[in-house]
Structures are given as structure tokens and as C-alpha cells.
Amino acid sequence: MWVLGRTDDIINVAGHRLSTGAMEEVLAAHSDVAECAVIGVTDSLKGESPVGLVVLKTAVNRDPETVVSELVDMVRSRIGAVAAFRTALVVDQLPKTRSGKILRRTLRDLANGEPVHVPPTIEDASVLERLRDTFPAPPAASVH
């Protein structure tokens, strides 16, 4: 059962309002994906760009880059090119609360290079440290 109704997870990609939940639904449909999250990362040109984080099932012995390519193609096929989904990162674990909720806001702050508030309900804080180097450095602000 999937509950999709998180209104706070709408991102603005080049003027298009897109649901990260819809993108997560596509990623979760891939046979090699155990769990996933999609966040909006600040993009100087488009406003935000979607970035997927996926945890592969333990029995998967395929090249992660092949899986990422398939995921990008799936989102493009099911949602459309307007989603501008080009980046999926394979990670070992996603940060969650003890009740199992993925900490999307914390992931978004981490990806954007903003100060990260570690909630007291986090299951394993070391996951954040392992993810810190996963994200590319945020682009430098341009001066006009």
C-alpha cells in the first residue's frame, strides 16, 4: 500500500510544479529498488532539480550505473521530460526516524549545503555523515 499525499513535497522545476511523491512511485516500481526518496535540490537555472536517492535490494548484483540509467528512463517515460530527472544516487541507507519516516527535509538541507538539524527521533545519525559526501557541492552563488 502506498499513501501519496505529501503536499509539502512539490518542487518547482523551471516553472513546472512537480510532485516528488509521483517520482518516488516510479522509482519504487523498479524491481531492484528497496526504498527511495526524491528531493528538490537548488538549481541556479531551473529553481530546483529533482534528485533521487535509492537503496538497492540486497540480492542485486547489477552495476548501480545501469540501474540509475534505467531509473532516469522510467521517470522520463512515465512522467515526461518536463520532470528533468537526471540524477539518482545509489546509497546504502536513508536517514529515518525510529518509526520509519524518511527524513526528506534533512536530506534536502544536506544536499543544498545548508545547516542540518539532526532530529532527536533519528534512528541512526551516522547515516547523515555517510551521505554528506554523496551529494555534489552546491553551485556557488552568481553575482549579477
Protein backbone atom coordinates (compact mmCIF):
# COMPACT_ATOMS: atom_id res chain seq x y z
CA MET A 1 0.00 0.00 0.00
CA TRP A 2 1.33 3.46 -0.92
CA VAL A 3 -0.01 6.69 0.54
CA LEU A 4 0.77 9.63 -1.72
CA GLY A 5 -0.42 12.93 -0.40
CA ARG A 6 2.52 14.95 0.83
CA THR A 7 1.68 18.45 -0.34
CA ASP A 8 4.96 19.78 1.06
CA ASP A 9 6.91 17.73 -1.47
CA ILE A 10 6.11 19.77 -4.53
CA ILE A 11 9.15 21.18 -6.29
CA ASN A 12 9.37 23.94 -8.88
CA VAL A 13 11.44 22.86 -11.87
CA ALA A 14 11.72 25.61 -14.49
CA GLY A 15 8.25 26.91 -13.64
CA HIS A 16 6.63 23.46 -13.51
CA ARG A 17 5.23 22.26 -10.19
CA LEU A 18 6.14 18.59 -9.86
CA SER A 19 5.38 16.01 -7.20
CA THR A 20 8.38 14.26 -5.73
CA GLY A 21 5.95 11.60 -4.50
CA ALA A 22 4.99 10.76 -8.07
CA MET A 23 8.67 10.40 -8.98
CA GLU A 24 9.23 8.21 -5.91
CA GLU A 25 6.37 5.99 -7.05
CA VAL A 26 8.13 5.45 -10.39
CA LEU A 27 11.48 4.71 -8.72
CA ALA A 28 9.88 2.29 -6.26
CA ALA A 29 8.36 0.36 -9.18
CA HIS A 30 11.84 -0.70 -10.36
CA SER A 31 12.48 -4.32 -9.42
CA ASP A 32 15.94 -3.59 -7.95
CA VAL A 33 14.89 -0.72 -5.65
CA ALA A 34 14.20 -1.48 -1.98
CA GLU A 35 13.41 2.09 -0.91
CA CYS A 36 13.79 5.58 -2.30
CA ALA A 37 13.34 9.30 -1.76
CA VAL A 38 13.24 12.22 -4.19
CA ILE A 39 14.19 15.70 -3.06
CA GLY A 40 14.44 19.08 -4.75
CA VAL A 41 17.97 20.47 -4.89
CA THR A 42 18.58 24.14 -5.58
CA ASP A 43 19.45 24.79 -9.22
CA SER A 44 20.57 28.26 -10.31
CA LEU A 45 18.96 27.86 -13.74
CA LYS A 46 15.77 25.90 -13.06
CA GLY A 47 14.98 26.81 -9.47
CA GLU A 48 15.09 23.22 -8.28
CA SER A 49 16.16 19.91 -9.79
CA PRO A 50 14.92 16.54 -8.61
CA VAL A 51 17.48 14.15 -7.16
CA GLY A 52 16.59 10.58 -6.30
CA LEU A 53 18.24 8.54 -3.59
CA VAL A 54 17.75 4.81 -3.90
CA VAL A 55 18.67 1.84 -1.76
CA LEU A 56 19.02 -1.30 -3.84
CA LYS A 57 17.73 -4.67 -2.68
CA THR A 58 20.41 -6.82 -1.05
CA ALA A 59 20.29 -9.52 -3.76
CA VAL A 60 21.03 -7.04 -6.58
CA ASN A 61 24.34 -7.79 -8.29
CA ARG A 62 23.97 -5.33 -11.16
CA ASP A 63 26.08 -2.27 -11.89
CA PRO A 64 24.50 0.65 -9.99
CA GLU A 65 25.05 2.96 -13.00
CA THR A 66 22.89 0.65 -15.14
CA VAL A 67 20.11 0.80 -12.55
CA VAL A 68 20.41 4.61 -12.39
CA SER A 69 20.14 4.85 -16.18
CA GLU A 70 17.01 2.68 -16.10
CA LEU A 71 15.51 4.85 -13.35
CA VAL A 72 16.11 8.05 -15.31
CA ASP A 73 14.49 6.46 -18.38
CA MET A 74 11.50 5.28 -16.32
CA VAL A 75 10.80 8.75 -14.91
CA ARG A 76 11.18 10.30 -18.36
CA SER A 77 8.81 7.72 -19.83
CA ARG A 78 6.12 7.82 -17.12
CA ILE A 79 6.18 11.47 -16.03
CA GLY A 80 7.83 13.13 -19.01
CA ALA A 81 10.88 15.13 -19.92
CA VAL A 82 9.42 18.11 -18.03
CA ALA A 83 10.43 16.37 -14.77
CA ALA A 84 14.10 16.96 -15.70
CA PHE A 85 15.00 13.90 -13.63
CA ARG A 86 18.65 13.21 -14.41
CA THR A 87 20.26 12.34 -11.10
CA ALA A 88 19.76 9.27 -8.96
CA LEU A 89 22.26 8.35 -6.29
CA VAL A 90 22.62 4.79 -5.02
CA VAL A 91 23.11 4.85 -1.25
CA ASP A 92 23.41 2.16 1.41
CA GLN A 93 20.77 3.61 3.71
CA LEU A 94 18.35 6.53 4.01
CA PRO A 95 18.05 8.55 7.23
CA LYS A 96 14.84 7.68 9.04
CA THR A 97 13.05 8.27 12.28
CA ARG A 98 12.59 5.39 14.66
CA SER A 99 9.08 4.98 13.26
CA GLY A 100 10.44 4.58 9.72
CA LYS A 101 9.71 8.01 8.22
CA ILE A 102 12.39 9.14 5.75
CA LEU A 103 13.90 12.50 6.75
CA ARG A 104 13.39 14.29 3.42
CA ARG A 105 13.85 17.81 4.79
CA THR A 106 17.13 16.79 6.37
CA LEU A 107 18.24 15.24 3.07
CA ARG A 108 17.27 18.42 1.21
CA ASP A 109 19.27 20.58 3.64
CA LEU A 110 22.26 18.25 3.34
CA ALA A 111 22.11 18.31 -0.47
CA ASN A 112 21.84 22.10 -0.58
CA GLY A 113 24.77 22.64 1.78
CA GLU A 114 22.54 24.20 4.42
CA PRO A 115 22.89 23.65 8.17
CA VAL A 116 21.47 20.25 9.03
CA HIS A 117 19.27 19.88 12.10
CA VAL A 118 19.51 16.31 13.36
CA PRO A 119 16.10 15.48 14.82
CA PRO A 120 16.07 13.66 18.18
CA THR A 121 13.89 10.93 16.66
CA ILE A 122 16.53 9.85 14.11
CA GLU A 123 17.18 6.13 14.10
CA ASP A 124 20.89 6.28 13.14
CA ALA A 125 22.63 9.67 12.95
CA SER A 126 25.72 8.15 11.34
CA VAL A 127 23.73 7.77 8.10
CA LEU A 128 23.87 11.56 7.66
CA GLU A 129 27.66 11.59 7.92
CA ARG A 130 27.94 8.83 5.32
CA LEU A 131 25.61 10.75 2.98
CA ARG A 132 27.40 14.10 3.40
CA ASP A 133 29.94 13.32 0.64
CA THR A 134 27.36 11.69 -1.64
CA PHE A 135 25.92 14.97 -2.88
CA PRO A 136 27.84 17.13 -5.32
CA ALA A 137 28.90 20.50 -3.94
CA PRO A 138 26.12 23.08 -4.29
CA PRO A 139 26.79 25.64 -7.03
CA ALA A 140 28.34 28.92 -5.96
CA ALA A 141 26.01 31.89 -5.97
CA SER A 142 26.47 34.05 -9.03
CA VAL A 143 26.84 37.80 -8.72
CA HIS A 144 24.96 39.93 -11.26
